[in-house]
Amino acid sequence: MRKVAPENNFVFHDVGWNIRKMDESRVKAATAAARKCDLAIVVEGKYSLREHWMDKTCGENTDRSDINLPGLQQELVEAVYASGTPTVVVLVNGRPLGVE
Protein backbone atom coordinates (compact mmCIF):
# COMPACT_ATOMS: atom_id res chain seq x y z
CA MET A 1 0.00 0.00 0.00
CA ARG A 2 2.82 2.37 0.80
CA LYS A 3 4.41 1.68 -2.58
CA VAL A 4 1.17 2.43 -4.44
CA ALA A 5 0.30 5.58 -2.48
CA PRO A 6 3.43 6.88 -0.73
CA GLU A 7 1.83 10.30 -0.20
CA ASN A 8 -0.70 8.78 2.22
CA ASN A 9 -0.09 8.00 5.87
CA PHE A 10 -0.87 4.35 6.66
CA VAL A 11 -1.25 2.98 10.18
CA PHE A 12 -1.05 -0.79 10.57
CA HIS A 13 -2.54 -2.25 13.74
CA ASP A 14 -1.66 -5.88 14.41
CA VAL A 15 -4.04 -7.75 16.72
CA GLY A 16 -1.74 -10.76 16.92
CA TRP A 17 -1.06 -13.85 14.89
CA ASN A 18 -3.21 -16.28 16.90
CA ILE A 19 -6.83 -15.34 16.24
CA ARG A 20 -8.08 -17.96 18.66
CA LYS A 21 -6.28 -16.23 21.53
CA MET A 22 -7.17 -12.63 20.64
CA ASP A 23 -8.64 -10.87 23.67
CA GLU A 24 -10.98 -7.91 24.17
CA SER A 25 -8.11 -5.52 24.83
CA ARG A 26 -6.80 -6.05 21.29
CA VAL A 27 -10.27 -5.45 19.86
CA LYS A 28 -10.56 -2.22 21.86
CA ALA A 29 -7.10 -1.07 20.76
CA ALA A 30 -7.90 -1.75 17.10
CA THR A 31 -11.19 0.14 17.44
CA ALA A 32 -9.44 3.11 19.02
CA ALA A 33 -6.89 3.12 16.18
CA ALA A 34 -9.70 2.97 13.60
CA ARG A 35 -11.38 6.05 15.10
CA LYS A 36 -8.29 8.10 14.19
CA CYS A 37 -8.25 6.98 10.55
CA ASP A 38 -10.10 7.96 7.39
CA LEU A 39 -10.56 4.33 6.32
CA ALA A 40 -10.20 0.98 8.10
CA ILE A 41 -9.26 -2.17 6.20
CA VAL A 42 -9.81 -5.27 8.33
CA VAL A 43 -8.32 -8.52 7.02
CA GLU A 44 -9.89 -11.59 8.56
CA GLY A 45 -10.45 -15.27 8.02
CA LYS A 46 -8.31 -18.34 8.18
CA TYR A 47 -5.04 -18.75 9.93
CA SER A 48 -2.65 -21.38 8.64
CA LEU A 49 0.95 -20.24 9.00
CA ARG A 50 3.40 -23.10 8.81
CA GLU A 51 5.34 -21.87 11.86
CA HIS A 52 2.31 -22.28 14.14
CA TRP A 53 0.58 -25.24 12.53
CA MET A 54 -1.01 -26.50 15.76
CA ASP A 55 -3.04 -23.27 16.00
CA LYS A 56 -4.26 -23.22 12.39
CA THR A 57 -7.95 -22.70 11.65
CA CYS A 58 -8.03 -24.02 8.09
CA GLY A 59 -6.37 -26.70 6.00
CA GLU A 60 -5.84 -30.43 6.04
CA ASN A 61 -6.67 -32.22 9.30
CA THR A 62 -8.42 -29.15 10.71
CA ASP A 63 -12.03 -29.58 11.77
CA ARG A 64 -14.37 -26.84 12.92
CA SER A 65 -17.64 -27.13 14.80
CA ASP A 66 -19.19 -24.07 13.10
CA ILE A 67 -18.75 -21.84 10.06
CA ASN A 68 -18.40 -18.54 11.91
CA LEU A 69 -15.23 -16.50 11.91
CA PRO A 70 -12.94 -17.98 14.56
CA GLY A 71 -12.05 -16.17 17.75
CA LEU A 72 -13.16 -12.56 18.16
CA GLN A 73 -12.94 -11.70 14.47
CA GLN A 74 -16.68 -10.99 14.10
CA GLU A 75 -16.58 -8.79 17.19
CA LEU A 76 -13.54 -6.98 15.78
CA VAL A 77 -15.30 -6.17 12.49
CA GLU A 78 -18.44 -5.00 14.29
CA ALA A 79 -16.46 -2.82 16.72
CA VAL A 80 -14.36 -1.19 13.98
CA TYR A 81 -17.47 -0.58 11.88
CA ALA A 82 -19.28 0.89 14.90
CA SER A 83 -16.40 3.34 15.35
CA GLY A 84 -17.90 5.34 12.49
CA THR A 85 -14.84 4.97 10.27
CA PRO A 86 -15.63 3.70 6.76
CA THR A 87 -14.63 0.03 6.85
CA VAL A 88 -13.56 -2.49 4.23
CA VAL A 89 -13.44 -6.15 5.27
CA VAL A 90 -11.20 -8.56 3.38
CA LEU A 91 -11.97 -12.23 4.04
CA VAL A 92 -9.22 -14.77 3.54
CA ASN A 93 -10.67 -18.25 3.77
CA GLY A 94 -10.56 -21.70 2.32
CA ARG A 95 -14.06 -22.77 3.31
CA PRO A 96 -17.53 -21.24 3.51
CA LEU A 97 -18.04 -18.73 6.32
CA GLY A 98 -21.26 -17.69 8.02
CA VAL A 99 -20.80 -13.91 8.04
CA GLU A 100 -23.27 -11.04 7.80
PDB file of N, CA and C in Angstrom:
ATOM      1  N   MET A   1       0.832  -1.189   0.000  1.00  0.00           N
ATOM      2  CA  MET A   1       0.000   0.000   0.000  1.00  0.00           C
ATOM      3  C   MET A   1       0.872   1.246   0.000  1.00  0.00           C
ATOM      4  N   ARG A   2       1.937   1.211   0.761  1.00  0.00           N
ATOM      5  CA  ARG A   2       2.823   2.375   0.802  1.00  0.00           C
ATOM      6  C   ARG A   2       3.513   2.605  -0.537  1.00  0.00           C
ATOM      7  N   LYS A   3       3.780   1.542  -1.275  1.00  0.00           N
ATOM      8  CA  LYS A   3       4.406   1.682  -2.584  1.00  0.00           C
ATOM      9  C   LYS A   3       3.439   2.292  -3.596  1.00  0.00           C
ATOM     10  N   VAL A   4       2.175   1.940  -3.500  1.00  0.00           N
ATOM     11  CA  VAL A   4       1.170   2.432  -4.443  1.00  0.00           C
ATOM     12  C   VAL A   4       0.795   3.881  -4.147  1.00  0.00           C
ATOM     13  N   ALA A   5       0.713   4.228  -2.876  1.00  0.00           N
ATOM     14  CA  ALA A   5       0.295   5.580  -2.482  1.00  0.00           C
ATOM     15  C   ALA A   5       1.219   6.126  -1.398  1.00  0.00           C
ATOM     16  N   PRO A   6       2.469   6.435  -1.744  1.00  0.00           N
ATOM     17  CA  PRO A   6       3.428   6.880  -0.727  1.00  0.00           C
ATOM     18  C   PRO A   6       3.079   8.232  -0.103  1.00  0.00           C
ATOM     19  N   GLU A   7       2.200   8.999  -0.742  1.00  0.00           N
ATOM     20  CA  GLU A   7       1.832  10.299  -0.195  1.00  0.00           C
ATOM     21  C   GLU A   7       0.831  10.180   0.963  1.00  0.00           C
ATOM     22  N   ASN A   8       0.271   8.998   1.141  1.00  0.00           N
ATOM     23  CA  ASN A   8      -0.695   8.783   2.221  1.00  0.00           C
ATOM     24  C   ASN A   8       0.004   8.249   3.468  1.00  0.00           C
ATOM     25  N   ASN A   9      -0.615   8.488   4.604  1.00  0.00           N
ATOM     26  CA  ASN A   9      -0.092   7.999   5.867  1.00  0.00           C
ATOM     27  C   ASN A   9      -0.877   6.753   6.264  1.00  0.00           C
ATOM     28  N   PHE A  10      -0.222   5.607   6.306  1.00  0.00           N
ATOM     29  CA  PHE A  10      -0.870   4.352   6.660  1.00  0.00           C
ATOM     30  C   PHE A  10      -0.497   3.958   8.078  1.00  0.00           C
ATOM     31  N   VAL A  11      -1.476   3.482   8.826  1.00  0.00           N
ATOM     32  CA  VAL A  11      -1.254   2.979  10.178  1.00  0.00           C
ATOM     33  C   VAL A  11      -1.666   1.513  10.167  1.00  0.00           C
ATOM     34  N   PHE A  12      -0.752   0.630  10.516  1.00  0.00           N
ATOM     35  CA  PHE A  12      -1.050  -0.792  10.569  1.00  0.00           C
ATOM     36  C   PHE A  12      -1.176  -1.200  12.031  1.00  0.00           C
ATOM     37  N   HIS A  13      -2.297  -1.828  12.358  1.00  0.00           N
ATOM     38  CA  HIS A  13      -2.537  -2.250  13.736  1.00  0.00           C
ATOM     39  C   HIS A  13      -2.653  -3.773  13.744  1.00  0.00           C
ATOM     40  N   ASP A  14      -1.706  -4.427  14.355  1.00  0.00           N
ATOM     41  CA  ASP A  14      -1.658  -5.880  14.407  1.00  0.00           C
ATOM     42  C   ASP A  14      -2.348  -6.364  15.681  1.00  0.00           C
ATOM     43  N   VAL A  15      -3.351  -7.226  15.531  1.00  0.00           N
ATOM     44  CA  VAL A  15      -4.038  -7.750  16.715  1.00  0.00           C
ATOM     45  C   VAL A  15      -3.475  -9.105  17.149  1.00  0.00           C
ATOM     46  N   GLY A  16      -2.393  -9.518  16.510  1.00  0.00           N
ATOM     47  CA  GLY A  16      -1.744 -10.760  16.915  1.00  0.00           C
ATOM     48  C   GLY A  16      -1.924 -11.859  15.893  1.00  0.00           C
ATOM     49  N   TRP A  17      -1.007 -12.795  15.890  1.00  0.00           N
ATOM     50  CA  TRP A  17      -1.060 -13.853  14.885  1.00  0.00           C
ATOM     51  C   TRP A  17      -2.042 -14.955  15.240  1.00  0.00           C
ATOM     52  N   ASN A  18      -2.322 -15.184  16.514  1.00  0.00           N
ATOM     53  CA  ASN A  18      -3.206 -16.283  16.896  1.00  0.00           C
ATOM     54  C   ASN A  18      -4.613 -15.753  17.141  1.00  0.00           C
ATOM     55  N   ILE A  19      -5.480 -15.896  16.143  1.00  0.00           N
ATOM     56  CA  ILE A  19      -6.829 -15.337  16.239  1.00  0.00           C
ATOM     57  C   ILE A  19      -7.696 -16.046  17.266  1.00  0.00           C
ATOM     58  N   ARG A  20      -7.315 -17.254  17.632  1.00  0.00           N
ATOM     59  CA  ARG A  20      -8.078 -17.963  18.664  1.00  0.00           C
ATOM     60  C   ARG A  20      -7.803 -17.403  20.056  1.00  0.00           C
ATOM     61  N   LYS A  21      -6.660 -16.749  20.206  1.00  0.00           N
ATOM     62  CA  LYS A  21      -6.279 -16.233  21.525  1.00  0.00           C
ATOM     63  C   LYS A  21      -6.365 -14.713  21.605  1.00  0.00           C
ATOM     64  N   MET A  22      -7.002 -14.083  20.612  1.00  0.00           N
ATOM     65  CA  MET A  22      -7.174 -12.628  20.644  1.00  0.00           C
ATOM     66  C   MET A  22      -8.116 -12.286  21.804  1.00  0.00           C
ATOM     67  N   ASP A  23      -7.785 -11.241  22.556  1.00  0.00           N
ATOM     68  CA  ASP A  23      -8.642 -10.872  23.671  1.00  0.00           C
ATOM     69  C   ASP A  23      -9.292  -9.508  23.424  1.00  0.00           C
ATOM     70  N   GLU A  24     -10.208  -9.157  24.310  1.00  0.00           N
ATOM     71  CA  GLU A  24     -10.981  -7.912  24.175  1.00  0.00           C
ATOM     72  C   GLU A  24     -10.095  -6.677  24.140  1.00  0.00           C
ATOM     73  N   SER A  25      -8.959  -6.702  24.829  1.00  0.00           N
ATOM     74  CA  SER A  25      -8.105  -5.520  24.833  1.00  0.00           C
ATOM     75  C   SER A  25      -7.558  -5.226  23.444  1.00  0.00           C
ATOM     76  N   ARG A  26      -7.288  -6.252  22.668  1.00  0.00           N
ATOM     77  CA  ARG A  26      -6.801  -6.050  21.295  1.00  0.00           C
ATOM     78  C   ARG A  26      -7.912  -5.514  20.398  1.00  0.00           C
ATOM     79  N   VAL A  27      -9.134  -5.963  20.626  1.00  0.00           N
ATOM     80  CA  VAL A  27     -10.273  -5.449  19.864  1.00  0.00           C
ATOM     81  C   VAL A  27     -10.476  -3.967  20.185  1.00  0.00           C
ATOM     82  N   LYS A  28     -10.405  -3.620  21.459  1.00  0.00           N
ATOM     83  CA  LYS A  28     -10.564  -2.224  21.860  1.00  0.00           C
ATOM     84  C   LYS A  28      -9.456  -1.343  21.294  1.00  0.00           C
ATOM     85  N   ALA A  29      -8.221  -1.841  21.301  1.00  0.00           N
ATOM     86  CA  ALA A  29      -7.099  -1.066  20.761  1.00  0.00           C
ATOM     87  C   ALA A  29      -7.250  -0.854  19.257  1.00  0.00           C
ATOM     88  N   ALA A  30      -7.692  -1.874  18.545  1.00  0.00           N
ATOM     89  CA  ALA A  30      -7.902  -1.746  17.103  1.00  0.00           C
ATOM     90  C   ALA A  30      -9.035  -0.766  16.810  1.00  0.00           C
ATOM     91  N   THR A  31     -10.071  -0.790  17.619  1.00  0.00           N
ATOM     92  CA  THR A  31     -11.192   0.137  17.444  1.00  0.00           C
ATOM     93  C   THR A  31     -10.749   1.567  17.703  1.00  0.00           C
ATOM     94  N   ALA A  32      -9.953   1.775  18.732  1.00  0.00           N
ATOM     95  CA  ALA A  32      -9.438   3.113  19.023  1.00  0.00           C
ATOM     96  C   ALA A  32      -8.558   3.610  17.886  1.00  0.00           C
ATOM     97  N   ALA A  33      -7.735   2.731  17.315  1.00  0.00           N
ATOM     98  CA  ALA A  33      -6.889   3.121  16.181  1.00  0.00           C
ATOM     99  C   ALA A  33      -7.743   3.464  14.969  1.00  0.00           C
ATOM    100  N   ALA A  34      -8.815   2.716  14.744  1.00  0.00           N
ATOM    101  CA  ALA A  34      -9.696   2.973  13.595  1.00  0.00           C
ATOM    102  C   ALA A  34     -10.375   4.330  13.699  1.00  0.00           C
ATOM    103  N   ARG A  35     -10.720   4.747  14.905  1.00  0.00           N
ATOM    104  CA  ARG A  35     -11.382   6.050  15.098  1.00  0.00           C
ATOM    105  C   ARG A  35     -10.524   7.218  14.603  1.00  0.00           C
ATOM    106  N   LYS A  36      -9.211   7.036  14.588  1.00  0.00           N
ATOM    107  CA  LYS A  36      -8.291   8.099  14.187  1.00  0.00           C
ATOM    108  C   LYS A  36      -7.989   8.085  12.692  1.00  0.00           C
ATOM    109  N   CYS A  37      -8.578   7.151  11.963  1.00  0.00           N
ATOM    110  CA  CYS A  37      -8.254   6.977  10.547  1.00  0.00           C
ATOM    111  C   CYS A  37      -9.410   7.402   9.642  1.00  0.00           C
ATOM    112  N   ASP A  38      -9.088   7.637   8.389  1.00  0.00           N
ATOM    113  CA  ASP A  38     -10.100   7.965   7.386  1.00  0.00           C
ATOM    114  C   ASP A  38     -10.763   6.715   6.823  1.00  0.00           C
ATOM    115  N   LEU A  39     -10.067   5.586   6.855  1.00  0.00           N
ATOM    116  CA  LEU A  39     -10.564   4.326   6.322  1.00  0.00           C
ATOM    117  C   LEU A  39      -9.925   3.193   7.102  1.00  0.00           C
ATOM    118  N   ALA A  40     -10.717   2.177   7.436  1.00  0.00           N
ATOM    119  CA  ALA A  40     -10.196   0.977   8.099  1.00  0.00           C
ATOM    120  C   ALA A  40     -10.319  -0.199   7.147  1.00  0.00           C
ATOM    121  N   ILE A  41      -9.240  -0.935   6.984  1.00  0.00           N
ATOM    122  CA  ILE A  41      -9.262  -2.168   6.203  1.00  0.00           C
ATOM    123  C   ILE A  41      -8.966  -3.296   7.180  1.00  0.00           C
ATOM    124  N   VAL A  42      -9.942  -4.166   7.375  1.00  0.00           N
ATOM    125  CA  VAL A  42      -9.812  -5.265   8.329  1.00  0.00           C
ATOM    126  C   VAL A  42      -9.678  -6.559   7.530  1.00  0.00           C
ATOM    127  N   VAL A  43      -8.570  -7.255   7.719  1.00  0.00           N
ATOM    128  CA  VAL A  43      -8.323  -8.515   7.017  1.00  0.00           C
ATOM    129  C   VAL A  43      -8.562  -9.644   7.998  1.00  0.00           C
ATOM    130  N   GLU A  44      -9.484 -10.532   7.646  1.00  0.00           N
ATOM    131  CA  GLU A  44      -9.885 -11.593   8.563  1.00  0.00           C
ATOM    132  C   GLU A  44     -10.037 -12.906   7.830  1.00  0.00           C
ATOM    133  N   GLY A  45     -10.192 -13.970   8.603  1.00  0.00           N
ATOM    134  CA  GLY A  45     -10.451 -15.273   8.023  1.00  0.00           C
ATOM    135  C   GLY A  45      -9.562 -16.331   8.602  1.00  0.00           C
ATOM    136  N   LYS A  46      -9.064 -17.174   7.721  1.00  0.00           N
ATOM    137  CA  LYS A  46      -8.309 -18.339   8.176  1.00  0.00           C
ATOM    138  C   LYS A  46      -6.941 -17.962   8.717  1.00  0.00           C
ATOM    139  N   TYR A  47      -6.409 -18.895   9.438  1.00  0.00           N
ATOM    140  CA  TYR A  47      -5.045 -18.754   9.926  1.00  0.00           C
ATOM    141  C   TYR A  47      -4.363 -20.090   9.705  1.00  0.00           C
ATOM    142  N   SER A  48      -3.318 -20.100   8.912  1.00  0.00           N
ATOM    143  CA  SER A  48      -2.648 -21.380   8.639  1.00  0.00           C
ATOM    144  C   SER A  48      -1.153 -21.220   8.383  1.00  0.00           C
ATOM    145  N   LEU A  49      -0.490 -20.388   9.169  1.00  0.00           N
ATOM    146  CA  LEU A  49       0.953 -20.235   8.998  1.00  0.00           C
ATOM    147  C   LEU A  49       1.686 -21.517   9.375  1.00  0.00           C
ATOM    148  N   ARG A  50       2.642 -21.865   8.599  1.00  0.00           N
ATOM    149  CA  ARG A  50       3.402 -23.099   8.813  1.00  0.00           C
ATOM    150  C   ARG A  50       4.135 -23.109  10.158  1.00  0.00           C
ATOM    151  N   GLU A  51       4.582 -21.930  10.616  1.00  0.00           N
ATOM    152  CA  GLU A  51       5.339 -21.872  11.863  1.00  0.00           C
ATOM    153  C   GLU A  51       4.492 -22.238  13.085  1.00  0.00           C
ATOM    154  N   HIS A  52       3.202 -22.037  12.999  1.00  0.00           N
ATOM    155  CA  HIS A  52       2.310 -22.280  14.141  1.00  0.00           C
ATOM    156  C   HIS A  52       1.200 -23.254  13.730  1.00  0.00           C
ATOM    157  N   TRP A  53       1.566 -24.357  13.138  1.00  0.00           N
ATOM    158  CA  TRP A  53       0.583 -25.241  12.529  1.00  0.00           C
ATOM    159  C   TRP A  53      -0.396 -25.850  13.525  1.00  0.00           C
ATOM    160  N   MET A  54      -0.069 -25.939  14.776  1.00  0.00           N
ATOM    161  CA  MET A  54      -1.006 -26.498  15.764  1.00  0.00           C
ATOM    162  C   MET A  54      -2.162 -25.542  16.049  1.00  0.00           C
ATOM    163  N   ASP A  55      -1.993 -24.266  15.743  1.00  0.00           N
ATOM    164  CA  ASP A  55      -3.037 -23.274  15.996  1.00  0.00           C
ATOM    165  C   ASP A  55      -3.828 -22.908  14.752  1.00  0.00           C
ATOM    166  N   LYS A  56      -3.597 -23.594  13.634  1.00  0.00           N
ATOM    167  CA  LYS A  56      -4.255 -23.222  12.385  1.00  0.00           C
ATOM    168  C   LYS A  56      -5.767 -23.394  12.477  1.00  0.00           C
ATOM    169  N   THR A  57      -6.488 -22.646  11.655  1.00  0.00           N
ATOM    170  CA  THR A  57      -7.951 -22.698  11.647  1.00  0.00           C
ATOM    171  C   THR A  57      -8.495 -23.201  10.322  1.00  0.00           C
ATOM    172  N   CYS A  58      -7.599 -23.561   9.400  1.00  0.00           N
ATOM    173  CA  CYS A  58      -8.029 -24.025   8.090  1.00  0.00           C
ATOM    174  C   CYS A  58      -6.946 -24.911   7.501  1.00  0.00           C
ATOM    175  N   GLY A  59      -7.333 -25.838   6.670  1.00  0.00           N
ATOM    176  CA  GLY A  59      -6.369 -26.697   6.003  1.00  0.00           C
ATOM    177  C   GLY A  59      -6.618 -28.156   6.303  1.00  0.00           C
ATOM    178  N   GLU A  60      -5.703 -28.994   5.824  1.00  0.00           N
ATOM    179  CA  GLU A  60      -5.838 -30.426   6.044  1.00  0.00           C
ATOM    180  C   GLU A  60      -5.812 -30.754   7.533  1.00  0.00           C
ATOM    181  N   ASN A  61      -6.609 -31.732   7.919  1.00  0.00           N
ATOM    182  CA  ASN A  61      -6.673 -32.216   9.300  1.00  0.00           C
ATOM    183  C   ASN A  61      -7.096 -31.133  10.284  1.00  0.00           C
ATOM    184  N   THR A  62      -7.921 -30.203   9.831  1.00  0.00           N
ATOM    185  CA  THR A  62      -8.424 -29.148  10.710  1.00  0.00           C
ATOM    186  C   THR A  62      -9.939 -29.148  10.643  1.00  0.00           C
ATOM    187  N   ASP A  63     -10.572 -29.564  11.709  1.00  0.00           N
ATOM    188  CA  ASP A  63     -12.030 -29.579  11.769  1.00  0.00           C
ATOM    189  C   ASP A  63     -12.528 -28.375  12.542  1.00  0.00           C
ATOM    190  N   ARG A  64     -13.738 -27.942  12.205  1.00  0.00           N
ATOM    191  CA  ARG A  64     -14.371 -26.837  12.925  1.00  0.00           C
ATOM    192  C   ARG A  64     -15.789 -27.242  13.260  1.00  0.00           C
ATOM    193  N   SER A  65     -16.285 -26.781  14.376  1.00  0.00           N
ATOM    194  CA  SER A  65     -17.644 -27.135  14.799  1.00  0.00           C
ATOM    195  C   SER A  65     -18.687 -26.162  14.274  1.00  0.00           C
ATOM    196  N   ASP A  66     -18.250 -25.026  13.681  1.00  0.00           N
ATOM    197  CA  ASP A  66     -19.191 -24.070  13.105  1.00  0.00           C
ATOM    198  C   ASP A  66     -18.526 -23.348  11.933  1.00  0.00           C
ATOM    199  N   ILE A  67     -19.297 -22.534  11.219  1.00  0.00           N
ATOM    200  CA  ILE A  67     -18.750 -21.835  10.056  1.00  0.00           C
ATOM    201  C   ILE A  67     -18.607 -20.335  10.308  1.00  0.00           C
ATOM    202  N   ASN A  68     -18.611 -19.946  11.562  1.00  0.00           N
ATOM    203  CA  ASN A  68     -18.405 -18.542  11.906  1.00  0.00           C
ATOM    204  C   ASN A  68     -16.916 -18.199  11.844  1.00  0.00           C
ATOM    205  N   LEU A  69     -16.616 -16.913  11.812  1.00  0.00           N
ATOM    206  CA  LEU A  69     -15.226 -16.496  11.909  1.00  0.00           C
ATOM    207  C   LEU A  69     -14.678 -16.953  13.251  1.00  0.00           C
ATOM    208  N   PRO A  70     -13.475 -17.508  13.286  1.00  0.00           N
ATOM    209  CA  PRO A  70     -12.937 -17.984  14.563  1.00  0.00           C
ATOM    210  C   PRO A  70     -12.519 -16.840  15.486  1.00  0.00           C
ATOM    211  N   GLY A  71     -12.489 -17.154  16.765  1.00  0.00           N
ATOM    212  CA  GLY A  71     -12.047 -16.170  17.753  1.00  0.00           C
ATOM    213  C   GLY A  71     -12.965 -14.966  17.819  1.00  0.00           C
ATOM    214  N   LEU A  72     -12.388 -13.806  18.035  1.00  0.00           N
ATOM    215  CA  LEU A  72     -13.159 -12.560  18.160  1.00  0.00           C
ATOM    216  C   LEU A  72     -13.189 -11.758  16.860  1.00  0.00           C
ATOM    217  N   GLN A  73     -12.988 -12.425  15.729  1.00  0.00           N
ATOM    218  CA  GLN A  73     -12.942 -11.698  14.468  1.00  0.00           C
ATOM    219  C   GLN A  73     -14.257 -10.988  14.138  1.00  0.00           C
ATOM    220  N   GLN A  74     -15.385 -11.639  14.358  1.00  0.00           N
ATOM    221  CA  GLN A  74     -16.676 -10.993  14.096  1.00  0.00           C
ATOM    222  C   GLN A  74     -16.847  -9.767  14.989  1.00  0.00           C
ATOM    223  N   GLU A  75     -16.493  -9.905  16.251  1.00  0.00           N
ATOM    224  CA  GLU A  75     -16.583  -8.791  17.188  1.00  0.00           C
ATOM    225  C   GLU A  75     -15.662  -7.647  16.765  1.00  0.00           C
ATOM    226  N   LEU A  76     -14.481  -7.987  16.247  1.00  0.00           N
ATOM    227  CA  LEU A  76     -13.540  -6.978  15.780  1.00  0.00           C
ATOM    228  C   LEU A  76     -14.131  -6.184  14.616  1.00  0.00           C
ATOM    229  N   VAL A  77     -14.692  -6.861  13.637  1.00  0.00           N
ATOM    230  CA  VAL A  77     -15.303  -6.167  12.492  1.00  0.00           C
ATOM    231  C   VAL A  77     -16.433  -5.266  12.959  1.00  0.00           C
ATOM    232  N   GLU A  78     -17.301  -5.786  13.809  1.00  0.00           N
ATOM    233  CA  GLU A  78     -18.436  -5.001  14.292  1.00  0.00           C
ATOM    234  C   GLU A  78     -17.981  -3.778  15.082  1.00  0.00           C
ATOM    235  N   ALA A  79     -16.953  -3.935  15.908  1.00  0.00           N
ATOM    236  CA  ALA A  79     -16.458  -2.817  16.715  1.00  0.00           C
ATOM    237  C   ALA A  79     -15.804  -1.748  15.843  1.00  0.00           C
ATOM    238  N   VAL A  80     -15.003  -2.162  14.873  1.00  0.00           N
ATOM    239  CA  VAL A  80     -14.357  -1.193  13.983  1.00  0.00           C
ATOM    240  C   VAL A  80     -15.416  -0.469  13.159  1.00  0.00           C
ATOM    241  N   TYR A  81     -16.384  -1.201  12.648  1.00  0.00           N
ATOM    242  CA  TYR A  81     -17.472  -0.579  11.875  1.00  0.00           C
ATOM    243  C   TYR A  81     -18.264   0.410  12.742  1.00  0.00           C
ATOM    244  N   ALA A  82     -18.529   0.024  13.987  1.00  0.00           N
ATOM    245  CA  ALA A  82     -19.284   0.890  14.902  1.00  0.00           C
ATOM    246  C   ALA A  82     -18.507   2.142  15.287  1.00  0.00           C
ATOM    247  N   SER A  83     -17.199   2.159  15.027  1.00  0.00           N
ATOM    248  CA  SER A  83     -16.400   3.342  15.346  1.00  0.00           C
ATOM    249  C   SER A  83     -16.776   4.537  14.473  1.00  0.00           C
ATOM    250  N   GLY A  84     -17.498   4.270  13.387  1.00  0.00           N
ATOM    251  CA  GLY A  84     -17.895   5.344  12.485  1.00  0.00           C
ATOM    252  C   GLY A  84     -16.932   5.551  11.329  1.00  0.00           C
ATOM    253  N   THR A  85     -15.814   4.878  11.354  1.00  0.00           N
ATOM    254  CA  THR A  85     -14.836   4.968  10.273  1.00  0.00           C
ATOM    255  C   THR A  85     -15.302   4.074   9.122  1.00  0.00           C
ATOM    256  N   PRO A  86     -15.294   4.578   7.890  1.00  0.00           N
ATOM    257  CA  PRO A  86     -15.630   3.698   6.761  1.00  0.00           C
ATOM    258  C   PRO A  86     -14.734   2.460   6.809  1.00  0.00           C
ATOM    259  N   THR A  87     -15.345   1.284   6.630  1.00  0.00           N
ATOM    260  CA  THR A  87     -14.626   0.033   6.847  1.00  0.00           C
ATOM    261  C   THR A  87     -14.739  -0.896   5.652  1.00  0.00           C
ATOM    262  N   VAL A  88     -13.620  -1.460   5.255  1.00  0.00           N
ATOM    263  CA  VAL A  88     -13.557  -2.490   4.226  1.00  0.00           C
ATOM    264  C   VAL A  88     -13.098  -3.766   4.919  1.00  0.00           C
ATOM    265  N   VAL A  89     -13.815  -4.865   4.681  1.00  0.00           N
ATOM    266  CA  VAL A  89     -13.436  -6.146   5.269  1.00  0.00           C
ATOM    267  C   VAL A  89     -12.960  -7.061   4.149  1.00  0.00           C
ATOM    268  N   VAL A  90     -11.765  -7.611   4.325  1.00  0.00           N
ATOM    269  CA  VAL A  90     -11.197  -8.562   3.375  1.00  0.00           C
ATOM    270  C   VAL A  90     -11.197  -9.918   4.059  1.00  0.00           C
ATOM    271  N   LEU A  91     -11.916 -10.888   3.469  1.00  0.00           N
ATOM    272  CA  LEU A  91     -11.971 -12.231   4.040  1.00  0.00           C
ATOM    273  C   LEU A  91     -11.004 -13.139   3.305  1.00  0.00           C
ATOM    274  N   VAL A  92     -10.161 -13.807   4.076  1.00  0.00           N
ATOM    275  CA  VAL A  92      -9.217 -14.773   3.536  1.00  0.00           C
ATOM    276  C   VAL A  92      -9.647 -16.119   4.106  1.00  0.00           C
ATOM    277  N   ASN A  93     -10.162 -16.987   3.253  1.00  0.00           N
ATOM    278  CA  ASN A  93     -10.670 -18.246   3.767  1.00  0.00           C
ATOM    279  C   ASN A  93     -10.596 -19.341   2.718  1.00  0.00           C
ATOM    280  N   GLY A  94     -10.589 -20.549   3.200  1.00  0.00           N
ATOM    281  CA  GLY A  94     -10.555 -21.699   2.319  1.00  0.00           C
ATOM    282  C   GLY A  94     -11.788 -22.567   2.456  1.00  0.00           C
ATOM    283  N   ARG A  95     -12.797 -22.045   3.128  1.00  0.00           N
ATOM    284  CA  ARG A  95     -14.058 -22.770   3.309  1.00  0.00           C
ATOM    285  C   ARG A  95     -15.169 -21.758   3.474  1.00  0.00           C
ATOM    286  N   PRO A  96     -16.423 -22.191   3.341  1.00  0.00           N
ATOM    287  CA  PRO A  96     -17.535 -21.240   3.514  1.00  0.00           C
ATOM    288  C   PRO A  96     -17.552 -20.665   4.922  1.00  0.00           C
ATOM    289  N   LEU A  97     -17.923 -19.392   5.027  1.00  0.00           N
ATOM    290  CA  LEU A  97     -18.037 -18.735   6.324  1.00  0.00           C
ATOM    291  C   LEU A  97     -19.449 -18.199   6.494  1.00  0.00           C
ATOM    292  N   GLY A  98     -19.951 -18.243   7.696  1.00  0.00           N
ATOM    293  CA  GLY A  98     -21.257 -17.692   8.025  1.00  0.00           C
ATOM    294  C   GLY A  98     -21.077 -16.273   8.537  1.00  0.00           C
ATOM    295  N   VAL A  99     -21.012 -15.310   7.643  1.00  0.00           N
ATOM    296  CA  VAL A  99     -20.805 -13.909   8.041  1.00  0.00           C
ATOM    297  C   VAL A  99     -21.954 -13.064   7.511  1.00  0.00           C
ATOM    298  N   GLU A 100     -22.219 -11.968   8.208  1.00  0.00           N
ATOM    299  CA  GLU A 100     -23.270 -11.035   7.803  1.00  0.00           C
ATOM    300  C   GLU A 100     -22.661  -9.705   7.438  1.00  0.00           C
TER     301      GLU A 100
END
